[in-house]
Amino acid sequence: MFKRNGFTLVELVIVLALSLAMIGLVSGVYSQRRTLANDDAAKQITSSIQTIAVQAQQGLGPTTTDGTSKFSTGDVIYGEAVEFRSHCSPDITGNPCMRVYKLKKSKAGVVSSYESYDITSPQNFTYTSFPFTDNNILVVKNISGDMYYSNNYSSFINNGSIGSSSPYTFKVSNASSPNYSITVSPNIFLSKKL
């Protein structure tokens, strides 16, 4: 009887077909997972802005650890500002973020920040369209919840310059995703894939 060595052509074709099917299945699952992560990141940015708007409307004042106010006599809460930044660390290597400023207005009418904090951008999303490109800000006023934008935080604080009122639509994207559109206004907080 003849003893053969190796595999027949039919066996090789079957193994190749099964291998390609497995590779396709795994890459499809990975691609779906990345898409879901980016969808969630866009929704998280929208939710963060909505939370900031709600906090600004509530108008809760700051206190120090001993319970006394951080405000001088005559100071009132102005609202909150969100600055869209390409990096938040002191150098240029940091991740994109939103820097949130809590604002007060003095008796003399001067607006200033009494507190700030950073919200790191999920999935390294950057802010890519007017009016929300690097260092532009969204200002949410106390109680009314009115929203405005300014070219940058310094311009707003130094000149009180505020652009037009909301709603605003801006785009976020990262290296692995298409653009997402985020629309914000006092009553609408919406994100969608473009």
N, C-alpha and C. Protein backbone atom coordinates (compact mmCIF):
# COMPACT_ATOMS: atom_id res chain seq x y z
N MET A 1 0.83 -1.16 0.00
CA MET A 1 0.00 0.00 0.00
C MET A 1 0.89 1.24 0.00
N PHE A 2 0.40 2.27 -0.69
CA PHE A 2 1.14 3.52 -0.80
C PHE A 2 0.83 4.40 0.41
N LYS A 3 1.88 4.88 1.08
CA LYS A 3 1.72 5.75 2.24
C LYS A 3 2.04 7.17 1.80
N ARG A 4 1.10 8.09 1.99
CA ARG A 4 1.34 9.46 1.55
C ARG A 4 1.86 10.32 2.69
N ASN A 5 2.66 11.31 2.32
CA ASN A 5 3.17 12.29 3.28
C ASN A 5 2.53 13.64 2.97
N GLY A 6 2.21 14.42 4.02
CA GLY A 6 1.65 15.74 3.80
C GLY A 6 0.14 15.74 3.72
N PHE A 7 -0.41 16.86 3.17
CA PHE A 7 -1.85 17.06 3.12
C PHE A 7 -2.31 17.15 1.68
N THR A 8 -3.54 16.81 1.47
CA THR A 8 -4.09 16.94 0.12
C THR A 8 -4.51 18.39 -0.10
N LEU A 9 -4.73 18.74 -1.34
CA LEU A 9 -5.15 20.10 -1.69
C LEU A 9 -6.49 20.45 -1.05
N VAL A 10 -7.40 19.51 -0.99
CA VAL A 10 -8.71 19.73 -0.38
C VAL A 10 -8.55 20.04 1.11
N GLU A 11 -7.70 19.31 1.80
CA GLU A 11 -7.48 19.57 3.23
C GLU A 11 -6.89 20.96 3.45
N LEU A 12 -5.96 21.37 2.62
CA LEU A 12 -5.36 22.71 2.74
C LEU A 12 -6.40 23.80 2.50
N VAL A 13 -7.25 23.63 1.51
CA VAL A 13 -8.28 24.63 1.22
C VAL A 13 -9.25 24.74 2.40
N ILE A 14 -9.62 23.63 3.00
CA ILE A 14 -10.53 23.65 4.15
C ILE A 14 -9.89 24.39 5.32
N VAL A 15 -8.63 24.10 5.60
CA VAL A 15 -7.93 24.77 6.71
C VAL A 15 -7.80 26.26 6.44
N LEU A 16 -7.46 26.65 5.22
CA LEU A 16 -7.35 28.07 4.87
C LEU A 16 -8.70 28.77 5.01
N ALA A 17 -9.77 28.15 4.55
CA ALA A 17 -11.11 28.75 4.65
C ALA A 17 -11.51 28.95 6.11
N LEU A 18 -11.26 27.96 6.95
CA LEU A 18 -11.57 28.09 8.38
C LEU A 18 -10.72 29.17 9.04
N SER A 19 -9.45 29.25 8.67
CA SER A 19 -8.56 30.27 9.23
C SER A 19 -9.03 31.67 8.85
N LEU A 20 -9.38 31.86 7.58
CA LEU A 20 -9.85 33.17 7.13
C LEU A 20 -11.17 33.55 7.82
N ALA A 21 -12.03 32.57 8.01
CA ALA A 21 -13.30 32.85 8.70
C ALA A 21 -13.04 33.28 10.14
N MET A 22 -12.12 32.64 10.81
CA MET A 22 -11.80 33.00 12.21
C MET A 22 -11.16 34.39 12.28
N ILE A 23 -10.26 34.70 11.35
CA ILE A 23 -9.63 36.03 11.33
C ILE A 23 -10.68 37.11 11.08
N GLY A 24 -11.59 36.86 10.15
CA GLY A 24 -12.66 37.82 9.88
C GLY A 24 -13.56 38.05 11.07
N LEU A 25 -13.88 36.98 11.78
CA LEU A 25 -14.73 37.08 12.96
C LEU A 25 -14.06 37.89 14.06
N VAL A 26 -12.79 37.61 14.31
CA VAL A 26 -12.06 38.32 15.37
C VAL A 26 -11.89 39.79 15.02
N SER A 27 -11.52 40.10 13.78
CA SER A 27 -11.33 41.50 13.41
C SER A 27 -12.66 42.26 13.44
N GLY A 28 -13.77 41.61 13.08
CA GLY A 28 -15.08 42.25 13.16
C GLY A 28 -15.47 42.59 14.58
N VAL A 29 -15.21 41.67 15.50
CA VAL A 29 -15.51 41.91 16.92
C VAL A 29 -14.65 43.06 17.45
N TYR A 30 -13.37 43.08 17.08
CA TYR A 30 -12.47 44.15 17.54
C TYR A 30 -12.92 45.51 17.00
N SER A 31 -13.29 45.54 15.73
CA SER A 31 -13.75 46.79 15.12
C SER A 31 -15.03 47.28 15.79
N GLN A 32 -15.96 46.38 16.06
CA GLN A 32 -17.21 46.73 16.73
C GLN A 32 -16.94 47.28 18.13
N ARG A 33 -16.00 46.65 18.82
CA ARG A 33 -15.66 47.08 20.17
C ARG A 33 -15.09 48.49 20.18
N ARG A 34 -14.20 48.80 19.22
CA ARG A 34 -13.60 50.12 19.13
C ARG A 34 -14.68 51.17 18.82
N THR A 35 -15.61 50.83 17.93
CA THR A 35 -16.70 51.74 17.58
C THR A 35 -17.57 52.04 18.80
N LEU A 36 -17.91 51.01 19.57
CA LEU A 36 -18.71 51.21 20.77
C LEU A 36 -17.99 52.07 21.79
N ALA A 37 -16.68 51.88 21.94
CA ALA A 37 -15.90 52.69 22.87
C ALA A 37 -15.92 54.16 22.45
N ASN A 38 -15.80 54.43 21.15
CA ASN A 38 -15.85 55.80 20.66
C ASN A 38 -17.24 56.41 20.82
N ASP A 39 -18.28 55.63 20.57
CA ASP A 39 -19.65 56.10 20.79
C ASP A 39 -19.84 56.50 22.26
N ASP A 40 -19.38 55.66 23.16
CA ASP A 40 -19.49 55.94 24.59
C ASP A 40 -18.70 57.18 24.98
N ALA A 41 -17.53 57.37 24.38
CA ALA A 41 -16.70 58.54 24.69
C ALA A 41 -17.41 59.83 24.27
N ALA A 42 -18.02 59.85 23.10
CA ALA A 42 -18.76 61.04 22.65
C ALA A 42 -19.92 61.34 23.59
N LYS A 43 -20.62 60.29 24.02
CA LYS A 43 -21.72 60.48 24.97
C LYS A 43 -21.21 60.97 26.32
N GLN A 44 -20.02 60.52 26.72
CA GLN A 44 -19.45 60.95 27.99
C GLN A 44 -19.09 62.43 27.96
N ILE A 45 -18.56 62.92 26.83
CA ILE A 45 -18.26 64.35 26.70
C ILE A 45 -19.55 65.15 26.79
N THR A 46 -20.58 64.70 26.09
CA THR A 46 -21.88 65.38 26.13
C THR A 46 -22.44 65.41 27.55
N SER A 47 -22.34 64.30 28.24
CA SER A 47 -22.83 64.20 29.61
C SER A 47 -22.05 65.13 30.54
N SER A 48 -20.75 65.23 30.35
CA SER A 48 -19.93 66.13 31.18
C SER A 48 -20.36 67.57 31.02
N ILE A 49 -20.61 67.98 29.76
CA ILE A 49 -21.04 69.36 29.52
C ILE A 49 -22.42 69.59 30.13
N GLN A 50 -23.30 68.60 30.03
CA GLN A 50 -24.63 68.72 30.62
C GLN A 50 -24.53 68.86 32.15
N THR A 51 -23.66 68.08 32.77
CA THR A 51 -23.46 68.16 34.22
C THR A 51 -22.96 69.55 34.62
N ILE A 52 -22.02 70.09 33.86
CA ILE A 52 -21.48 71.43 34.14
C ILE A 52 -22.59 72.47 34.02
N ALA A 53 -23.44 72.34 32.99
CA ALA A 53 -24.55 73.29 32.81
C ALA A 53 -25.51 73.23 33.98
N VAL A 54 -25.82 72.04 34.46
CA VAL A 54 -26.73 71.88 35.60
C VAL A 54 -26.12 72.51 36.86
N GLN A 55 -24.82 72.27 37.07
CA GLN A 55 -24.15 72.85 38.23
C GLN A 55 -24.17 74.37 38.17
N ALA A 56 -23.96 74.92 36.98
CA ALA A 56 -23.96 76.38 36.82
C ALA A 56 -25.36 76.94 37.12
N GLN A 57 -26.39 76.25 36.67
CA GLN A 57 -27.76 76.72 36.90
C GLN A 57 -28.15 76.66 38.37
N GLN A 58 -27.62 75.67 39.10
CA GLN A 58 -27.96 75.54 40.52
C GLN A 58 -27.38 76.69 41.33
N GLY A 59 -26.25 77.23 40.88
CA GLY A 59 -25.67 78.39 41.54
C GLY A 59 -25.22 78.16 42.96
N LEU A 60 -24.68 76.99 43.24
CA LEU A 60 -24.19 76.72 44.59
C LEU A 60 -22.84 77.40 44.79
N GLY A 61 -22.73 78.18 45.85
CA GLY A 61 -21.51 78.94 46.10
C GLY A 61 -20.43 78.12 46.76
N PRO A 62 -19.20 78.56 46.61
CA PRO A 62 -18.07 77.84 47.17
C PRO A 62 -17.87 78.18 48.65
N THR A 63 -17.38 77.22 49.39
CA THR A 63 -17.00 77.47 50.77
C THR A 63 -15.62 76.88 51.02
N THR A 64 -14.94 77.44 52.00
CA THR A 64 -13.63 76.90 52.38
C THR A 64 -13.86 75.74 53.34
N THR A 65 -12.78 75.11 53.78
CA THR A 65 -12.92 73.96 54.67
C THR A 65 -13.55 74.32 56.01
N ASP A 66 -13.43 75.58 56.43
CA ASP A 66 -14.07 75.96 57.70
C ASP A 66 -15.50 76.45 57.50
N GLY A 67 -16.02 76.37 56.26
CA GLY A 67 -17.41 76.72 56.01
C GLY A 67 -17.65 78.18 55.66
N THR A 68 -16.61 79.00 55.65
CA THR A 68 -16.80 80.41 55.28
C THR A 68 -16.77 80.55 53.76
N SER A 69 -17.34 81.60 53.27
CA SER A 69 -17.44 81.82 51.83
C SER A 69 -16.11 82.24 51.23
N LYS A 70 -15.85 81.84 49.98
CA LYS A 70 -14.66 82.27 49.25
C LYS A 70 -14.90 83.63 48.61
N PHE A 71 -16.11 84.14 48.69
CA PHE A 71 -16.47 85.38 48.04
C PHE A 71 -16.28 86.57 48.97
N SER A 72 -15.97 87.69 48.38
CA SER A 72 -15.94 88.95 49.13
C SER A 72 -17.36 89.50 49.16
N THR A 73 -17.58 90.49 49.99
CA THR A 73 -18.89 91.12 50.06
C THR A 73 -19.26 91.69 48.69
N GLY A 74 -20.43 91.36 48.21
CA GLY A 74 -20.89 91.86 46.92
C GLY A 74 -20.62 90.93 45.75
N ASP A 75 -19.76 89.91 45.93
CA ASP A 75 -19.49 88.95 44.86
C ASP A 75 -20.72 88.05 44.67
N VAL A 76 -20.99 87.70 43.42
CA VAL A 76 -22.07 86.76 43.11
C VAL A 76 -21.56 85.71 42.14
N ILE A 77 -22.23 84.56 42.14
CA ILE A 77 -21.86 83.51 41.20
C ILE A 77 -22.25 83.95 39.81
N TYR A 78 -21.33 83.80 38.85
CA TYR A 78 -21.61 84.17 37.46
C TYR A 78 -22.00 82.95 36.63
N GLY A 79 -21.36 81.83 36.89
CA GLY A 79 -21.64 80.61 36.13
C GLY A 79 -20.39 79.76 36.02
N GLU A 80 -20.28 79.00 34.94
CA GLU A 80 -19.11 78.17 34.70
C GLU A 80 -18.69 78.30 33.25
N ALA A 81 -17.40 78.13 33.01
CA ALA A 81 -16.86 78.16 31.66
C ALA A 81 -16.13 76.86 31.40
N VAL A 82 -16.28 76.33 30.20
CA VAL A 82 -15.58 75.11 29.79
C VAL A 82 -14.61 75.49 28.69
N GLU A 83 -13.32 75.29 28.93
CA GLU A 83 -12.30 75.58 27.93
C GLU A 83 -11.88 74.27 27.27
N PHE A 84 -11.95 74.21 25.94
CA PHE A 84 -11.59 73.01 25.19
C PHE A 84 -10.11 73.09 24.85
N ARG A 85 -9.32 72.13 25.37
CA ARG A 85 -7.86 72.22 25.26
C ARG A 85 -7.29 70.98 24.57
N SER A 86 -6.23 71.20 23.80
CA SER A 86 -5.57 70.07 23.15
C SER A 86 -4.66 69.33 24.12
N HIS A 87 -4.30 69.95 25.22
CA HIS A 87 -3.52 69.29 26.27
C HIS A 87 -3.76 70.02 27.58
N CYS A 88 -3.73 69.29 28.68
CA CYS A 88 -4.01 69.91 29.97
C CYS A 88 -2.80 70.00 30.88
N SER A 89 -1.76 69.26 30.59
CA SER A 89 -0.58 69.34 31.44
C SER A 89 0.18 70.62 31.09
N PRO A 90 1.12 71.02 31.93
CA PRO A 90 1.86 72.25 31.66
C PRO A 90 2.65 72.20 30.35
N ASP A 91 3.02 71.01 29.90
CA ASP A 91 3.74 70.91 28.63
C ASP A 91 2.79 70.41 27.55
N ILE A 92 3.27 70.28 26.35
CA ILE A 92 2.41 69.93 25.21
C ILE A 92 2.15 68.44 25.09
N THR A 93 2.68 67.63 26.00
CA THR A 93 2.54 66.18 25.88
C THR A 93 1.26 65.65 26.52
N GLY A 94 0.51 66.47 27.19
CA GLY A 94 -0.69 66.00 27.89
C GLY A 94 -1.82 65.62 26.95
N ASN A 95 -2.80 64.93 27.49
CA ASN A 95 -3.97 64.51 26.72
C ASN A 95 -4.95 65.67 26.55
N PRO A 96 -5.81 65.60 25.53
CA PRO A 96 -6.86 66.62 25.38
C PRO A 96 -7.80 66.60 26.58
N CYS A 97 -8.38 67.76 26.89
CA CYS A 97 -9.28 67.82 28.03
C CYS A 97 -10.21 69.01 27.93
N MET A 98 -11.14 69.06 28.86
CA MET A 98 -11.97 70.24 29.07
C MET A 98 -11.56 70.79 30.43
N ARG A 99 -11.16 72.06 30.49
CA ARG A 99 -10.86 72.71 31.76
C ARG A 99 -12.08 73.51 32.16
N VAL A 100 -12.60 73.24 33.35
CA VAL A 100 -13.82 73.88 33.83
C VAL A 100 -13.43 74.97 34.84
N TYR A 101 -13.92 76.17 34.59
CA TYR A 101 -13.70 77.30 35.50
C TYR A 101 -15.02 77.65 36.16
N LYS A 102 -15.01 77.78 37.48
CA LYS A 102 -16.18 78.28 38.20
C LYS A 102 -15.99 79.79 38.34
N LEU A 103 -17.00 80.54 37.92
CA LEU A 103 -16.85 81.99 37.78
C LEU A 103 -17.67 82.76 38.81
N LYS A 104 -17.11 83.89 39.22
CA LYS A 104 -17.84 84.82 40.08
C LYS A 104 -17.73 86.21 39.48
N LYS A 105 -18.68 87.07 39.85
CA LYS A 105 -18.68 88.44 39.38
C LYS A 105 -18.62 89.36 40.60
N SER A 106 -17.66 90.26 40.58
CA SER A 106 -17.49 91.16 41.73
C SER A 106 -18.53 92.28 41.68
N LYS A 107 -18.60 93.01 42.78
CA LYS A 107 -19.52 94.15 42.86
C LYS A 107 -19.22 95.17 41.77
N ALA A 108 -17.92 95.24 41.37
CA ALA A 108 -17.50 96.17 40.33
C ALA A 108 -17.78 95.64 38.92
N GLY A 109 -18.31 94.41 38.82
CA GLY A 109 -18.65 93.85 37.52
C GLY A 109 -17.55 93.03 36.86
N VAL A 110 -16.47 92.74 37.59
CA VAL A 110 -15.35 91.96 37.04
C VAL A 110 -15.61 90.47 37.23
N VAL A 111 -15.53 89.71 36.15
CA VAL A 111 -15.72 88.26 36.21
C VAL A 111 -14.35 87.61 36.38
N SER A 112 -14.27 86.66 37.32
CA SER A 112 -13.01 85.93 37.53
C SER A 112 -13.32 84.51 37.97
N SER A 113 -12.29 83.69 37.91
CA SER A 113 -12.44 82.29 38.29
C SER A 113 -12.04 82.14 39.75
N TYR A 114 -12.85 81.41 40.52
CA TYR A 114 -12.48 81.14 41.90
C TYR A 114 -12.06 79.69 42.08
N GLU A 115 -12.19 78.89 41.04
CA GLU A 115 -11.84 77.47 41.13
C GLU A 115 -11.80 76.90 39.71
N SER A 116 -10.95 75.89 39.48
CA SER A 116 -10.94 75.22 38.18
C SER A 116 -10.54 73.76 38.36
N TYR A 117 -10.93 72.93 37.40
CA TYR A 117 -10.53 71.52 37.39
C TYR A 117 -10.57 71.03 35.96
N ASP A 118 -9.89 69.91 35.69
CA ASP A 118 -9.81 69.35 34.34
C ASP A 118 -10.61 68.06 34.24
N ILE A 119 -11.23 67.86 33.09
CA ILE A 119 -11.89 66.60 32.75
C ILE A 119 -11.16 66.05 31.53
N THR A 120 -10.44 64.95 31.71
CA THR A 120 -9.69 64.36 30.60
C THR A 120 -10.64 63.87 29.52
N SER A 121 -10.27 64.12 28.30
CA SER A 121 -11.10 63.73 27.17
C SER A 121 -11.02 62.21 26.96
N PRO A 122 -12.16 61.51 27.02
CA PRO A 122 -12.11 60.06 26.84
C PRO A 122 -11.68 59.70 25.41
N GLN A 123 -11.00 58.58 25.29
CA GLN A 123 -10.52 58.07 23.99
C GLN A 123 -9.64 59.09 23.25
N ASN A 124 -9.04 60.02 23.99
CA ASN A 124 -8.19 61.07 23.40
C ASN A 124 -8.88 61.86 22.30
N PHE A 125 -10.18 62.09 22.46
CA PHE A 125 -10.90 62.91 21.49
C PHE A 125 -10.37 64.32 21.54
N THR A 126 -10.21 64.94 20.36
CA THR A 126 -9.84 66.35 20.27
C THR A 126 -11.05 67.11 19.74
N TYR A 127 -11.06 68.40 20.01
CA TYR A 127 -12.18 69.26 19.63
C TYR A 127 -11.79 69.94 18.33
N THR A 128 -12.54 69.68 17.26
CA THR A 128 -12.03 69.99 15.93
C THR A 128 -12.81 70.99 15.10
N SER A 129 -13.84 71.63 15.62
CA SER A 129 -14.54 72.57 14.74
C SER A 129 -15.02 73.80 15.49
N PHE A 130 -15.13 74.89 14.75
CA PHE A 130 -15.58 76.15 15.30
C PHE A 130 -16.98 75.98 15.85
N PRO A 131 -17.37 76.58 16.97
CA PRO A 131 -16.53 77.49 17.73
C PRO A 131 -15.61 76.79 18.72
N PHE A 132 -15.62 75.46 18.78
CA PHE A 132 -14.86 74.78 19.82
C PHE A 132 -13.59 74.15 19.29
N THR A 133 -12.63 74.98 18.98
CA THR A 133 -11.29 74.50 18.68
C THR A 133 -10.45 74.80 19.91
N ASP A 134 -9.17 74.53 19.83
CA ASP A 134 -8.31 74.63 21.00
C ASP A 134 -8.41 75.99 21.70
N ASN A 135 -8.63 75.94 23.00
CA ASN A 135 -8.67 77.08 23.91
C ASN A 135 -9.92 77.95 23.80
N ASN A 136 -10.88 77.62 22.96
CA ASN A 136 -12.16 78.34 22.97
C ASN A 136 -12.97 77.86 24.17
N ILE A 137 -13.89 78.71 24.61
CA ILE A 137 -14.66 78.34 25.80
C ILE A 137 -16.15 78.46 25.56
N LEU A 138 -16.87 77.67 26.33
CA LEU A 138 -18.33 77.72 26.40
C LEU A 138 -18.66 78.24 27.79
N VAL A 139 -19.43 79.32 27.88
CA VAL A 139 -19.80 79.91 29.17
C VAL A 139 -21.27 79.60 29.43
N VAL A 140 -21.56 79.05 30.61
CA VAL A 140 -22.93 78.79 31.03
C VAL A 140 -23.23 79.73 32.19
N LYS A 141 -24.25 80.57 32.03
CA LYS A 141 -24.56 81.56 33.06
C LYS A 141 -25.40 80.94 34.18
N ASN A 142 -25.21 81.48 35.37
CA ASN A 142 -25.91 81.05 36.57
C ASN A 142 -27.42 81.26 36.41
N ILE A 143 -28.18 80.38 36.98
CA ILE A 143 -29.64 80.38 37.06
C ILE A 143 -30.32 80.29 35.69
N SER A 144 -30.04 81.20 34.76
CA SER A 144 -30.71 81.16 33.46
C SER A 144 -30.25 79.98 32.62
N GLY A 145 -28.99 79.58 32.78
CA GLY A 145 -28.45 78.49 31.97
C GLY A 145 -28.11 78.92 30.56
N ASP A 146 -28.21 80.23 30.25
CA ASP A 146 -27.84 80.71 28.92
C ASP A 146 -26.41 80.32 28.60
N MET A 147 -26.15 79.96 27.34
CA MET A 147 -24.82 79.54 26.93
C MET A 147 -24.27 80.50 25.88
N TYR A 148 -22.99 80.80 26.00
CA TYR A 148 -22.29 81.67 25.06
C TYR A 148 -20.91 81.09 24.82
N TYR A 149 -20.24 81.54 23.76
CA TYR A 149 -18.88 81.12 23.55
C TYR A 149 -17.97 82.33 23.46
N SER A 150 -16.69 82.11 23.70
CA SER A 150 -15.68 83.15 23.56
C SER A 150 -14.45 82.52 22.93
N ASN A 151 -13.62 83.34 22.28
CA ASN A 151 -12.44 82.81 21.59
C ASN A 151 -11.46 82.14 22.54
N ASN A 152 -11.30 82.68 23.72
CA ASN A 152 -10.44 82.03 24.71
C ASN A 152 -10.76 82.57 26.09
N TYR A 153 -10.28 81.87 27.10
CA TYR A 153 -10.59 82.22 28.48
C TYR A 153 -10.07 83.61 28.83
N SER A 154 -8.82 83.93 28.44
CA SER A 154 -8.23 85.23 28.77
C SER A 154 -9.04 86.37 28.17
N SER A 155 -9.46 86.20 26.92
CA SER A 155 -10.25 87.22 26.25
C SER A 155 -11.57 87.45 26.99
N PHE A 156 -12.18 86.36 27.44
CA PHE A 156 -13.44 86.48 28.16
C PHE A 156 -13.24 87.21 29.50
N ILE A 157 -12.23 86.79 30.26
CA ILE A 157 -11.99 87.39 31.58
C ILE A 157 -11.56 88.85 31.45
N ASN A 158 -10.65 89.13 30.51
CA ASN A 158 -10.11 90.49 30.39
C ASN A 158 -11.10 91.46 29.75
N ASN A 159 -11.86 91.02 28.78
CA ASN A 159 -12.73 91.92 28.04
C ASN A 159 -14.21 91.64 28.22
N GLY A 160 -14.53 90.51 28.84
CA GLY A 160 -15.92 90.13 28.96
C GLY A 160 -16.53 89.83 27.60
N SER A 161 -15.66 89.52 26.60
CA SER A 161 -16.19 89.31 25.25
C SER A 161 -16.86 87.95 25.15
N ILE A 162 -18.11 87.99 24.75
CA ILE A 162 -18.88 86.77 24.59
C ILE A 162 -19.45 86.78 23.18
N GLY A 163 -19.38 85.64 22.52
CA GLY A 163 -19.92 85.51 21.17
C GLY A 163 -21.42 85.34 21.20
N SER A 164 -21.93 84.77 20.14
CA SER A 164 -23.38 84.59 20.03
C SER A 164 -23.89 83.52 20.98
N SER A 165 -25.19 83.49 21.13
CA SER A 165 -25.79 82.52 22.06
C SER A 165 -25.96 81.16 21.39
N SER A 166 -26.33 80.16 22.17
CA SER A 166 -26.43 78.77 21.74
C SER A 166 -27.66 78.55 20.86
N PRO A 167 -27.89 77.39 20.26
CA PRO A 167 -27.14 76.14 20.44
C PRO A 167 -25.85 76.10 19.62
N TYR A 168 -24.92 75.30 20.07
CA TYR A 168 -23.65 75.11 19.38
C TYR A 168 -23.49 73.67 18.99
N THR A 169 -22.92 73.46 17.83
CA THR A 169 -22.58 72.11 17.40
C THR A 169 -21.09 72.10 17.14
N PHE A 170 -20.40 71.13 17.70
CA PHE A 170 -18.98 71.00 17.44
C PHE A 170 -18.65 69.55 17.19
N LYS A 171 -17.45 69.29 16.69
CA LYS A 171 -17.05 67.94 16.35
C LYS A 171 -15.90 67.50 17.24
N VAL A 172 -15.91 66.22 17.54
CA VAL A 172 -14.78 65.60 18.23
C VAL A 172 -14.35 64.39 17.40
N SER A 173 -13.08 64.09 17.44
CA SER A 173 -12.59 62.92 16.71
C SER A 173 -11.28 62.47 17.33
N ASN A 174 -10.88 61.25 17.01
CA ASN A 174 -9.56 60.75 17.39
C ASN A 174 -9.01 59.96 16.21
N ALA A 175 -7.82 59.40 16.38
CA ALA A 175 -7.14 58.74 15.28
C ALA A 175 -7.90 57.54 14.74
N SER A 176 -8.71 56.90 15.56
CA SER A 176 -9.36 55.65 15.13
C SER A 176 -10.85 55.81 14.85
N SER A 177 -11.36 57.02 14.81
CA SER A 177 -12.81 57.14 14.64
C SER A 177 -13.16 58.23 13.65
N PRO A 178 -14.36 58.16 13.11
CA PRO A 178 -14.87 59.27 12.31
C PRO A 178 -15.25 60.41 13.26
N ASN A 179 -15.67 61.50 12.69
CA ASN A 179 -16.11 62.62 13.53
C ASN A 179 -17.43 62.29 14.21
N TYR A 180 -17.58 62.84 15.40
CA TYR A 180 -18.85 62.81 16.12
C TYR A 180 -19.29 64.25 16.26
N SER A 181 -20.57 64.49 16.09
CA SER A 181 -21.14 65.81 16.25
C SER A 181 -21.78 65.89 17.63
N ILE A 182 -21.47 66.96 18.37
CA ILE A 182 -22.07 67.17 19.69
C ILE A 182 -22.77 68.53 19.66
N THR A 183 -24.05 68.54 19.99
CA THR A 183 -24.82 69.77 20.04
C THR A 183 -25.19 70.06 21.48
N VAL A 184 -24.94 71.30 21.91
CA VAL A 184 -25.29 71.70 23.28
C VAL A 184 -26.08 73.00 23.25
N SER A 185 -27.06 73.08 24.12
CA SER A 185 -27.83 74.30 24.36
C SER A 185 -28.42 74.13 25.75
N PRO A 186 -29.10 75.14 26.28
CA PRO A 186 -29.66 74.96 27.63
C PRO A 186 -30.59 73.76 27.76
N ASN A 187 -31.23 73.34 26.68
CA ASN A 187 -32.19 72.24 26.78
C ASN A 187 -31.81 71.01 25.95
N ILE A 188 -30.76 71.09 25.14
CA ILE A 188 -30.41 69.99 24.25
C ILE A 188 -28.96 69.60 24.47
N PHE A 189 -28.74 68.31 24.71
CA PHE A 189 -27.39 67.77 24.81
C PHE A 189 -27.39 66.48 23.99
N LEU A 190 -26.80 66.53 22.80
CA LEU A 190 -26.95 65.46 21.83
C LEU A 190 -25.61 65.13 21.19
N SER A 191 -25.31 63.83 21.06
CA SER A 191 -24.11 63.43 20.31
C SER A 191 -24.53 62.41 19.27
N LYS A 192 -23.88 62.48 18.09
CA LYS A 192 -24.15 61.50 17.04
C LYS A 192 -22.93 61.33 16.15
N LYS A 193 -22.81 60.14 15.57
CA LYS A 193 -21.71 59.85 14.66
C LYS A 193 -22.02 60.43 13.30
N LEU A 194 -21.01 61.08 12.70
CA LEU A 194 -21.20 61.66 11.36
C LEU A 194 -20.85 60.65 10.29
